[in-house]
Each structure stands twice: as structure tokens, then as C-alpha cells.
């Protein structure tokens, strides 16, 4: 685990991950708050003729959620999977194959480090987003609802990282795993009005906008969280059964 953490630091991946999450956390509230001014300056239109709803902390947070869903998830999964793959170094694969009794001893430290830094990166993004909301909207922010929504988002985010890492380990492609997970998110979003997906899909909780204005009811989250736990268990089983000899060539 310590070795994997050192690899993250030496390769500068941790700094890239934190930069992306920080950028999303800062830019989403700013773009939402100054959207009318930005459109005016870009297009030369009269700001009074631009019909946009007044910015609120909820709309700014919703924009941040979308940035995480569309940008951060893709980039973080790509980075994490890259650290999990053994690459084409045959001597390195032979070393792992002869010294690790089970695949989990190889992938668990790599994935654990990836999850740790993914959590750290998104946490920094969340904190910066919260600060920007406080600075722009002052006392209008309901920090209790915001904290709950961000916590739910974090849980689903980490589940998706594990799912993406599992797909990447089996496909030997960081890009493909990120694309597949983003595809799942798009499909789930399109089917968000279908009761089966709405009530059971944890992916819809990656953008828990509904909890920003209302209290969380247990009935709204227990089903998706159960599905999320099942996904984690299946991913753990698949990673444990993965054979190094079938790693990418």
C-alpha cells in the first residue's frame, strides 16, 4: 500500500486528480453565478434580453454534480485503472505471478490507493464547492442538506471507481473502462423516469439534486445502496478470480 502511494506521488497523478476535482468545485458555482455576464461578453448580447433563471445555490450545486458525473468520473477512473494495470512489462508480470499467491494481493493495494486518492480529490472538490457557495450565496445555503447530498455522491463515486477498475482489469484498457462507466451513466440518466431504474439504480445518486431541498427519506436510498453493495461484492469476487497470466500483452 505504501509503495502504491509513493507511485501516485512520484508519477504526479495525485496532483492531476486534485487539480481536476478542484477546478470542477470552483468553476461550477462561478459559471452558474455569472452565466448571464459570461454569455453577454461572449456573444455581445444585451444581458437584459437573455432569459435565464436567477442563479441559486441549488442550481450551482447541480452544475457541480453534472461536472463530476461527466468529467471527473471519466478522468479519475482512467487514472486509477492506469495504476492498476501491470502494463506490457513481462518481467514485472512474472515477478507478480511468482510472488503473489492470489490476484487480490496485487490488485488490492493498487485499488486501495486509487480509492484513497479518489476520495481525497473529490473531498477537496466538495470543500471548494461548499466554500464557493458560501461566498457567492452567503446565508442562503442549507449546509445540512448540502452535506448529506455530497456524502451520498461520494459513496456512489467510490462505487463507480471500483466498478471501473474491475472492468479495466479485465479489459486491460483504462480508456475503455472509463467509457463503459460513462455509458452506464448516460443510459441510466435516459431511463431515470422508469421506476425500476429510478428506485434501484445507485448511479442516479451520483447527482442527488433532490436532496438539496428536501430531507432524505430512507426509502429513497436503501434500494440503490443495496445494489451498490452487491456491485462491490461482485467486483471483489471478479478481481480475486482474475489471473495475471491473462493480463494485457
C-alpha atoms as a PDB file:
ATOM      1  CA  UNK A   1       0.000   0.000   0.000  1.00  0.00           C
ATOM      2  CA  UNK A   2       2.806   2.426   0.913  1.00  0.00           C
ATOM      3  CA  UNK A   3       4.596   1.537  -2.320  1.00  0.00           C
ATOM      4  CA  UNK A   4       1.466   2.321  -4.340  1.00  0.00           C
ATOM      5  CA  UNK A   5       1.043   5.656  -2.546  1.00  0.00           C
ATOM      6  CA  UNK A   6       4.639   6.528  -3.414  1.00  0.00           C
ATOM      7  CA  UNK A   7       3.961   5.643  -7.050  1.00  0.00           C
ATOM      8  CA  UNK A   8       0.989   8.013  -7.100  1.00  0.00           C
ATOM      9  CA  UNK A   9       3.158  10.781  -5.693  1.00  0.00           C
ATOM     10  CA  UNK A  10       6.148  10.190  -7.949  1.00  0.00           C
ATOM     11  CA  UNK A  11       4.033   9.978 -11.107  1.00  0.00           C
ATOM     12  CA  UNK A  12       2.235  13.237 -10.163  1.00  0.00           C
ATOM     13  CA  UNK A  13      -1.126  11.542 -10.720  1.00  0.00           C
ATOM     14  CA  UNK A  14      -2.348  12.716  -7.345  1.00  0.00           C
ATOM     15  CA  UNK A  15      -1.732  16.340  -8.293  1.00  0.00           C
ATOM     16  CA  UNK A  16      -3.586  15.946 -11.585  1.00  0.00           C
ATOM     17  CA  UNK A  17      -6.524  14.334  -9.822  1.00  0.00           C
ATOM     18  CA  UNK A  18      -6.702  17.055  -7.171  1.00  0.00           C
ATOM     19  CA  UNK A  19      -6.387  19.755  -9.838  1.00  0.00           C
ATOM     20  CA  UNK A  20      -9.320  18.369 -11.861  1.00  0.00           C
ATOM     21  CA  UNK A  21     -11.566  18.000  -8.807  1.00  0.00           C
ATOM     22  CA  UNK A  22     -10.597  21.450  -7.515  1.00  0.00           C
ATOM     23  CA  UNK A  23     -11.269  23.035 -10.901  1.00  0.00           C
ATOM     24  CA  UNK A  24     -14.744  21.498 -11.045  1.00  0.00           C
ATOM     25  CA  UNK A  25     -15.512  22.555  -7.472  1.00  0.00           C
ATOM     26  CA  UNK A  26     -14.566  26.179  -8.152  1.00  0.00           C
ATOM     27  CA  UNK A  27     -15.768  26.622 -11.722  1.00  0.00           C
ATOM     28  CA  UNK A  28     -19.306  25.213 -11.390  1.00  0.00           C
ATOM     29  CA  UNK A  29     -20.579  27.831  -8.884  1.00  0.00           C
ATOM     30  CA  UNK A  30     -18.755  30.642 -10.708  1.00  0.00           C
ATOM     31  CA  UNK A  31     -20.175  29.760 -14.124  1.00  0.00           C
ATOM     32  CA  UNK A  32     -23.673  29.408 -12.688  1.00  0.00           C
ATOM     33  CA  UNK A  33     -23.499  32.685 -10.774  1.00  0.00           C
ATOM     34  CA  UNK A  34     -22.016  34.705 -13.639  1.00  0.00           C
ATOM     35  CA  UNK A  35     -23.648  32.819 -16.519  1.00  0.00           C
ATOM     36  CA  UNK A  36     -25.544  35.842 -17.819  1.00  0.00           C
ATOM     37  CA  UNK A  37     -22.428  38.025 -17.786  1.00  0.00           C
ATOM     38  CA  UNK A  38     -20.397  35.291 -19.496  1.00  0.00           C
ATOM     39  CA  UNK A  39     -22.960  34.925 -22.286  1.00  0.00           C
ATOM     40  CA  UNK A  40     -23.107  38.683 -22.693  1.00  0.00           C
ATOM     41  CA  UNK A  41     -19.342  39.012 -23.040  1.00  0.00           C
ATOM     42  CA  UNK A  42     -19.031  36.017 -25.367  1.00  0.00           C
ATOM     43  CA  UNK A  43     -21.899  36.822 -27.696  1.00  0.00           C
ATOM     44  CA  UNK A  44     -22.263  40.566 -27.409  1.00  0.00           C
ATOM     45  CA  UNK A  45     -25.918  40.279 -26.425  1.00  0.00           C
ATOM     46  CA  UNK A  46     -27.812  42.612 -24.184  1.00  0.00           C
ATOM     47  CA  UNK A  47     -27.902  40.916 -20.772  1.00  0.00           C
ATOM     48  CA  UNK A  48     -31.473  42.069 -20.247  1.00  0.00           C
ATOM     49  CA  UNK A  49     -32.603  40.018 -23.270  1.00  0.00           C
ATOM     50  CA  UNK A  50     -31.047  36.787 -22.026  1.00  0.00           C
ATOM     51  CA  UNK A  51     -33.740  34.719 -20.384  1.00  0.00           C
ATOM     52  CA  UNK A  52     -32.018  32.760 -17.651  1.00  0.00           C
ATOM     53  CA  UNK A  53     -33.398  31.843 -14.254  1.00  0.00           C
ATOM     54  CA  UNK A  54     -31.690  33.657 -11.387  1.00  0.00           C
ATOM     55  CA  UNK A  55     -28.750  31.625 -10.042  1.00  0.00           C
ATOM     56  CA  UNK A  56     -29.265  29.785  -6.775  1.00  0.00           C
ATOM     57  CA  UNK A  57     -27.026  27.646  -4.631  1.00  0.00           C
ATOM     58  CA  UNK A  58     -29.086  24.624  -5.689  1.00  0.00           C
ATOM     59  CA  UNK A  59     -28.559  25.268  -9.402  1.00  0.00           C
ATOM     60  CA  UNK A  60     -24.850  25.881  -8.750  1.00  0.00           C
ATOM     61  CA  UNK A  61     -24.558  22.591  -6.860  1.00  0.00           C
ATOM     62  CA  UNK A  62     -26.488  20.791  -9.594  1.00  0.00           C
ATOM     63  CA  UNK A  63     -23.927  22.114 -12.079  1.00  0.00           C
ATOM     64  CA  UNK A  64     -21.124  20.761  -9.884  1.00  0.00           C
ATOM     65  CA  UNK A  65     -22.804  17.363  -9.730  1.00  0.00           C
ATOM     66  CA  UNK A  66     -23.022  17.299 -13.528  1.00  0.00           C
ATOM     67  CA  UNK A  67     -19.342  18.194 -13.833  1.00  0.00           C
ATOM     68  CA  UNK A  68     -18.446  15.305 -11.547  1.00  0.00           C
ATOM     69  CA  UNK A  69     -20.681  12.936 -13.494  1.00  0.00           C
ATOM     70  CA  UNK A  70     -19.499  13.958 -16.957  1.00  0.00           C
ATOM     71  CA  UNK A  71     -15.839  14.861 -16.400  1.00  0.00           C
ATOM     72  CA  UNK A  72     -14.422  13.821 -13.036  1.00  0.00           C
ATOM     73  CA  UNK A  73     -15.674  10.215 -13.095  1.00  0.00           C
ATOM     74  CA  UNK A  74     -14.170   9.612 -16.535  1.00  0.00           C
ATOM     75  CA  UNK A  75     -10.771  11.096 -15.697  1.00  0.00           C
ATOM     76  CA  UNK A  76     -10.472   9.510 -12.252  1.00  0.00           C
ATOM     77  CA  UNK A  77     -11.414   6.045 -13.498  1.00  0.00           C
ATOM     78  CA  UNK A  78      -8.864   6.394 -16.295  1.00  0.00           C
ATOM     79  CA  UNK A  79      -6.132   7.383 -13.828  1.00  0.00           C
ATOM     80  CA  UNK A  80      -6.987   4.689 -11.270  1.00  0.00           C
ATOM     81  CA  UNK A  81      -7.151   1.914 -13.855  1.00  0.00           C
ATOM     82  CA  UNK A  82      -3.818   3.029 -15.293  1.00  0.00           C
ATOM     83  CA  UNK A  83      -2.261   2.458 -11.867  1.00  0.00           C
ATOM     84  CA  UNK A  84      -3.897  -0.960 -11.516  1.00  0.00           C
ATOM     85  CA  UNK A  85      -2.720  -2.410 -14.830  1.00  0.00           C
ATOM     86  CA  UNK A  86       0.654  -4.135 -14.990  1.00  0.00           C
ATOM     87  CA  UNK A  87       1.359  -2.884 -18.491  1.00  0.00           C
ATOM     88  CA  UNK A  88       3.499  -4.744 -21.019  1.00  0.00           C
ATOM     89  CA  UNK A  89       6.481  -5.238 -18.762  1.00  0.00           C
ATOM     90  CA  UNK A  90       6.885  -9.026 -18.886  1.00  0.00           C
ATOM     91  CA  UNK A  91       9.456  -9.114 -16.079  1.00  0.00           C
ATOM     92  CA  UNK A  92       7.109  -7.177 -13.805  1.00  0.00           C
ATOM     93  CA  UNK A  93       4.234  -9.531 -14.585  1.00  0.00           C
ATOM     94  CA  UNK A  94       6.496 -12.527 -13.935  1.00  0.00           C
ATOM     95  CA  UNK A  95       7.528 -11.015 -10.598  1.00  0.00           C
ATOM     96  CA  UNK A  96       3.914 -10.578  -9.511  1.00  0.00           C
ATOM     97  CA  UNK A  97       2.954 -14.000 -10.805  1.00  0.00           C
ATOM     98  CA  UNK A  98       5.697 -15.773  -8.875  1.00  0.00           C
ATOM     99  CA  UNK A  99       5.462 -13.757  -5.660  1.00  0.00           C
ATOM    100  CA  UNK A 100       1.718 -13.183  -5.253  1.00  0.00           C
ATOM    101  CA  UNK A 101      -0.290 -16.221  -4.253  1.00  0.00           C
ATOM    102  CA  UNK A 102      -3.599 -14.600  -5.182  1.00  0.00           C
ATOM    103  CA  UNK A 103      -4.530 -11.747  -7.603  1.00  0.00           C
ATOM    104  CA  UNK A 104      -6.052  -9.830  -4.706  1.00  0.00           C
ATOM    105  CA  UNK A 105      -2.571  -9.328  -3.236  1.00  0.00           C
ATOM    106  CA  UNK A 106      -1.641  -7.477  -6.410  1.00  0.00           C
ATOM    107  CA  UNK A 107      -4.774  -5.505  -7.116  1.00  0.00           C
ATOM    108  CA  UNK A 108      -5.995  -4.749  -3.581  1.00  0.00           C
ATOM    109  CA  UNK A 109      -3.128  -2.352  -2.702  1.00  0.00           C
ATOM    110  CA  UNK A 110      -3.346  -0.697  -6.127  1.00  0.00           C
ATOM    111  CA  UNK A 111      -7.111  -0.243  -5.943  1.00  0.00           C
ATOM    112  CA  UNK A 112      -6.976   0.821  -2.291  1.00  0.00           C
ATOM    113  CA  UNK A 113      -4.500   3.584  -3.131  1.00  0.00           C
ATOM    114  CA  UNK A 114      -6.679   4.618  -6.051  1.00  0.00           C
ATOM    115  CA  UNK A 115      -9.765   4.793  -3.840  1.00  0.00           C
ATOM    116  CA  UNK A 116      -7.877   6.742  -1.185  1.00  0.00           C
ATOM    117  CA  UNK A 117      -6.744   9.424  -3.619  1.00  0.00           C
ATOM    118  CA  UNK A 118     -10.101   9.455  -5.401  1.00  0.00           C
ATOM    119  CA  UNK A 119     -11.758  10.134  -2.066  1.00  0.00           C
ATOM    120  CA  UNK A 120      -9.214  12.824  -1.243  1.00  0.00           C
ATOM    121  CA  UNK A 121      -9.578  14.503  -4.636  1.00  0.00           C
ATOM    122  CA  UNK A 122     -13.382  14.611  -4.586  1.00  0.00           C
ATOM    123  CA  UNK A 123     -13.374  15.707  -0.945  1.00  0.00           C
ATOM    124  CA  UNK A 124     -11.221  18.704  -1.866  1.00  0.00           C
ATOM    125  CA  UNK A 125     -13.565  19.458  -4.752  1.00  0.00           C
ATOM    126  CA  UNK A 126     -16.557  19.229  -2.414  1.00  0.00           C
ATOM    127  CA  UNK A 127     -14.959  21.538   0.140  1.00  0.00           C
ATOM    128  CA  UNK A 128     -14.036  24.109  -2.503  1.00  0.00           C
ATOM    129  CA  UNK A 129     -17.531  23.926  -3.960  1.00  0.00           C
ATOM    130  CA  UNK A 130     -19.015  24.451  -0.492  1.00  0.00           C
ATOM    131  CA  UNK A 131     -16.763  27.458   0.089  1.00  0.00           C
ATOM    132  CA  UNK A 132     -17.723  28.992  -3.255  1.00  0.00           C
ATOM    133  CA  UNK A 133     -21.418  28.506  -2.477  1.00  0.00           C
ATOM    134  CA  UNK A 134     -20.944  30.209   0.874  1.00  0.00           C
ATOM    135  CA  UNK A 135     -19.007  33.079  -0.715  1.00  0.00           C
ATOM    136  CA  UNK A 136     -21.461  33.639  -3.567  1.00  0.00           C
ATOM    137  CA  UNK A 137     -24.803  32.914  -1.915  1.00  0.00           C
ATOM    138  CA  UNK A 138     -23.943  33.781   1.690  1.00  0.00           C
ATOM    139  CA  UNK A 139     -26.570  32.590   4.197  1.00  0.00           C
ATOM    140  CA  UNK A 140     -28.920  31.127   1.585  1.00  0.00           C
ATOM    141  CA  UNK A 141     -27.127  27.784   1.548  1.00  0.00           C
ATOM    142  CA  UNK A 142     -28.658  24.937   3.537  1.00  0.00           C
ATOM    143  CA  UNK A 143     -25.413  23.292   4.635  1.00  0.00           C
ATOM    144  CA  UNK A 144     -27.152  20.328   6.248  1.00  0.00           C
ATOM    145  CA  UNK A 145     -28.831  19.275   3.002  1.00  0.00           C
ATOM    146  CA  UNK A 146     -25.646  20.024   1.083  1.00  0.00           C
ATOM    147  CA  UNK A 147     -23.506  17.823   3.350  1.00  0.00           C
ATOM    148  CA  UNK A 148     -25.922  14.898   3.029  1.00  0.00           C
ATOM    149  CA  UNK A 149     -26.072  15.218  -0.766  1.00  0.00           C
ATOM    150  CA  UNK A 150     -22.284  15.399  -1.061  1.00  0.00           C
ATOM    151  CA  UNK A 151     -21.900  12.344   1.173  1.00  0.00           C
ATOM    152  CA  UNK A 152     -24.319  10.335  -0.973  1.00  0.00           C
ATOM    153  CA  UNK A 153     -22.484  11.476  -4.077  1.00  0.00           C
ATOM    154  CA  UNK A 154     -19.145  10.419  -2.578  1.00  0.00           C
ATOM    155  CA  UNK A 155     -20.404   6.908  -1.800  1.00  0.00           C
ATOM    156  CA  UNK A 156     -21.669   6.368  -5.343  1.00  0.00           C
ATOM    157  CA  UNK A 157     -18.498   7.923  -6.762  1.00  0.00           C
ATOM    158  CA  UNK A 158     -16.311   5.390  -4.966  1.00  0.00           C
ATOM    159  CA  UNK A 159     -18.567   2.518  -6.060  1.00  0.00           C
ATOM    160  CA  UNK A 160     -18.138   3.626  -9.669  1.00  0.00           C
ATOM    161  CA  UNK A 161     -14.366   3.761  -9.224  1.00  0.00           C
ATOM    162  CA  UNK A 162     -14.370   0.118  -8.075  1.00  0.00           C
ATOM    163  CA  UNK A 163     -16.639  -0.845 -10.979  1.00  0.00           C
ATOM    164  CA  UNK A 164     -14.435   0.968 -13.477  1.00  0.00           C
ATOM    165  CA  UNK A 165     -11.285  -0.589 -12.029  1.00  0.00           C
ATOM    166  CA  UNK A 166     -12.783  -4.070 -12.296  1.00  0.00           C
ATOM    167  CA  UNK A 167     -13.757  -3.507 -15.925  1.00  0.00           C
ATOM    168  CA  UNK A 168     -10.296  -2.108 -16.613  1.00  0.00           C
ATOM    169  CA  UNK A 169      -8.515  -5.059 -15.017  1.00  0.00           C
ATOM    170  CA  UNK A 170     -10.460  -7.467 -17.223  1.00  0.00           C
ATOM    171  CA  UNK A 171     -10.314  -5.452 -20.444  1.00  0.00           C
ATOM    172  CA  UNK A 172      -6.751  -4.221 -19.869  1.00  0.00           C
ATOM    173  CA  UNK A 173      -7.851  -0.775 -21.030  1.00  0.00           C
ATOM    174  CA  UNK A 174      -8.206   2.314 -18.865  1.00  0.00           C
ATOM    175  CA  UNK A 175      -9.938   4.265 -21.625  1.00  0.00           C
ATOM    176  CA  UNK A 176     -12.469   1.532 -22.352  1.00  0.00           C
ATOM    177  CA  UNK A 177     -13.374   1.132 -18.689  1.00  0.00           C
ATOM    178  CA  UNK A 178     -13.985   4.877 -18.336  1.00  0.00           C
ATOM    179  CA  UNK A 179     -16.115   4.901 -21.494  1.00  0.00           C
ATOM    180  CA  UNK A 180     -18.180   1.926 -20.312  1.00  0.00           C
ATOM    181  CA  UNK A 181     -18.937   3.513 -16.938  1.00  0.00           C
ATOM    182  CA  UNK A 182     -19.857   6.822 -18.604  1.00  0.00           C
ATOM    183  CA  UNK A 183     -22.088   4.846 -20.961  1.00  0.00           C
ATOM    184  CA  UNK A 184     -23.827   3.279 -17.967  1.00  0.00           C
ATOM    185  CA  UNK A 185     -24.385   6.752 -16.522  1.00  0.00           C
ATOM    186  CA  UNK A 186     -25.871   8.052 -19.765  1.00  0.00           C
ATOM    187  CA  UNK A 187     -28.200   5.074 -20.157  1.00  0.00           C
ATOM    188  CA  UNK A 188     -29.301   5.306 -16.533  1.00  0.00           C
ATOM    189  CA  UNK A 189     -29.988   9.019 -16.972  1.00  0.00           C
ATOM    190  CA  UNK A 190     -32.129   8.351 -20.043  1.00  0.00           C
ATOM    191  CA  UNK A 191     -34.098   5.764 -18.089  1.00  0.00           C
ATOM    192  CA  UNK A 192     -34.389   7.897 -14.951  1.00  0.00           C
ATOM    193  CA  UNK A 193     -38.169   8.092 -15.281  1.00  0.00           C
ATOM    194  CA  UNK A 194     -38.525   4.309 -15.376  1.00  0.00           C
ATOM    195  CA  UNK A 195     -39.479   3.126 -11.893  1.00  0.00           C
ATOM    196  CA  UNK A 196     -37.074   0.161 -11.962  1.00  0.00           C
ATOM    197  CA  UNK A 197     -34.063   2.409 -12.568  1.00  0.00           C
ATOM    198  CA  UNK A 198     -35.312   5.323 -10.504  1.00  0.00           C
ATOM    199  CA  UNK A 199     -35.813   3.194  -7.400  1.00  0.00           C
ATOM    200  CA  UNK A 200     -32.871   0.818  -7.683  1.00  0.00           C
ATOM    201  CA  UNK A 201     -30.029   2.402  -9.644  1.00  0.00           C
ATOM    202  CA  UNK A 202     -27.217   3.814  -7.464  1.00  0.00           C
ATOM    203  CA  UNK A 203     -25.897   5.737 -10.476  1.00  0.00           C
ATOM    204  CA  UNK A 204     -28.759   8.209 -10.233  1.00  0.00           C
ATOM    205  CA  UNK A 205     -27.477   9.151  -6.779  1.00  0.00           C
ATOM    206  CA  UNK A 206     -24.276  10.492  -8.313  1.00  0.00           C
ATOM    207  CA  UNK A 207     -26.279  13.695  -8.860  1.00  0.00           C
ATOM    208  CA  UNK A 208     -28.518  13.745  -5.743  1.00  0.00           C
ATOM    209  CA  UNK A 209     -30.093  17.103  -6.584  1.00  0.00           C
ATOM    210  CA  UNK A 210     -33.388  16.142  -4.968  1.00  0.00           C
ATOM    211  CA  UNK A 211     -31.788  16.060  -1.514  1.00  0.00           C
ATOM    212  CA  UNK A 212     -30.676  19.691  -1.690  1.00  0.00           C
ATOM    213  CA  UNK A 213     -34.170  20.973  -0.998  1.00  0.00           C
ATOM    214  CA  UNK A 214     -35.770  18.132   0.950  1.00  0.00           C
ATOM    215  CA  UNK A 215     -34.854  15.796   3.775  1.00  0.00           C
ATOM    216  CA  UNK A 216     -33.560  12.370   2.862  1.00  0.00           C
ATOM    217  CA  UNK A 217     -36.040   9.548   3.316  1.00  0.00           C
ATOM    218  CA  UNK A 218     -34.721   6.043   3.939  1.00  0.00           C
ATOM    219  CA  UNK A 219     -36.976   4.694   1.184  1.00  0.00           C
ATOM    220  CA  UNK A 220     -35.167   6.895  -1.334  1.00  0.00           C
ATOM    221  CA  UNK A 221     -31.694   5.475  -0.774  1.00  0.00           C
ATOM    222  CA  UNK A 222     -31.809   1.980   0.728  1.00  0.00           C
ATOM    223  CA  UNK A 223     -32.527   0.197  -2.564  1.00  0.00           C
ATOM    224  CA  UNK A 224     -29.751   1.912  -4.573  1.00  0.00           C
ATOM    225  CA  UNK A 225     -27.290   1.372  -1.718  1.00  0.00           C
ATOM    226  CA  UNK A 226     -28.124  -2.339  -1.597  1.00  0.00           C
ATOM    227  CA  UNK A 227     -27.474  -2.572  -5.339  1.00  0.00           C
ATOM    228  CA  UNK A 228     -24.228  -0.675  -4.787  1.00  0.00           C
ATOM    229  CA  UNK A 229     -23.134  -3.167  -2.123  1.00  0.00           C
ATOM    230  CA  UNK A 230     -23.936  -6.053  -4.469  1.00  0.00           C
ATOM    231  CA  UNK A 231     -21.827  -4.398  -7.182  1.00  0.00           C
ATOM    232  CA  UNK A 232     -18.908  -4.064  -4.749  1.00  0.00           C
ATOM    233  CA  UNK A 233     -19.166  -7.723  -3.739  1.00  0.00           C
ATOM    234  CA  UNK A 234     -19.277  -8.887  -7.358  1.00  0.00           C
ATOM    235  CA  UNK A 235     -16.322  -6.676  -8.224  1.00  0.00           C
ATOM    236  CA  UNK A 236     -14.359  -8.106  -5.295  1.00  0.00           C
ATOM    237  CA  UNK A 237     -15.079 -11.659  -6.456  1.00  0.00           C
ATOM    238  CA  UNK A 238     -14.108 -10.882 -10.049  1.00  0.00           C
ATOM    239  CA  UNK A 239     -10.848  -9.217  -9.028  1.00  0.00           C
ATOM    240  CA  UNK A 240      -9.997 -12.148  -6.774  1.00  0.00           C
ATOM    241  CA  UNK A 241     -10.570 -14.592  -9.643  1.00  0.00           C
ATOM    242  CA  UNK A 242      -8.527 -12.572 -12.130  1.00  0.00           C
ATOM    243  CA  UNK A 243      -5.402 -14.348 -13.334  1.00  0.00           C
ATOM    244  CA  UNK A 244      -2.206 -12.453 -14.072  1.00  0.00           C
ATOM    245  CA  UNK A 245      -1.401 -14.726 -16.978  1.00  0.00           C
ATOM    246  CA  UNK A 246      -4.398 -13.264 -18.766  1.00  0.00           C
ATOM    247  CA  UNK A 247      -3.220  -9.721 -18.192  1.00  0.00           C
ATOM    248  CA  UNK A 248      -2.703  -7.480 -21.240  1.00  0.00           C
ATOM    249  CA  UNK A 249       0.007  -8.485 -23.635  1.00  0.00           C
END
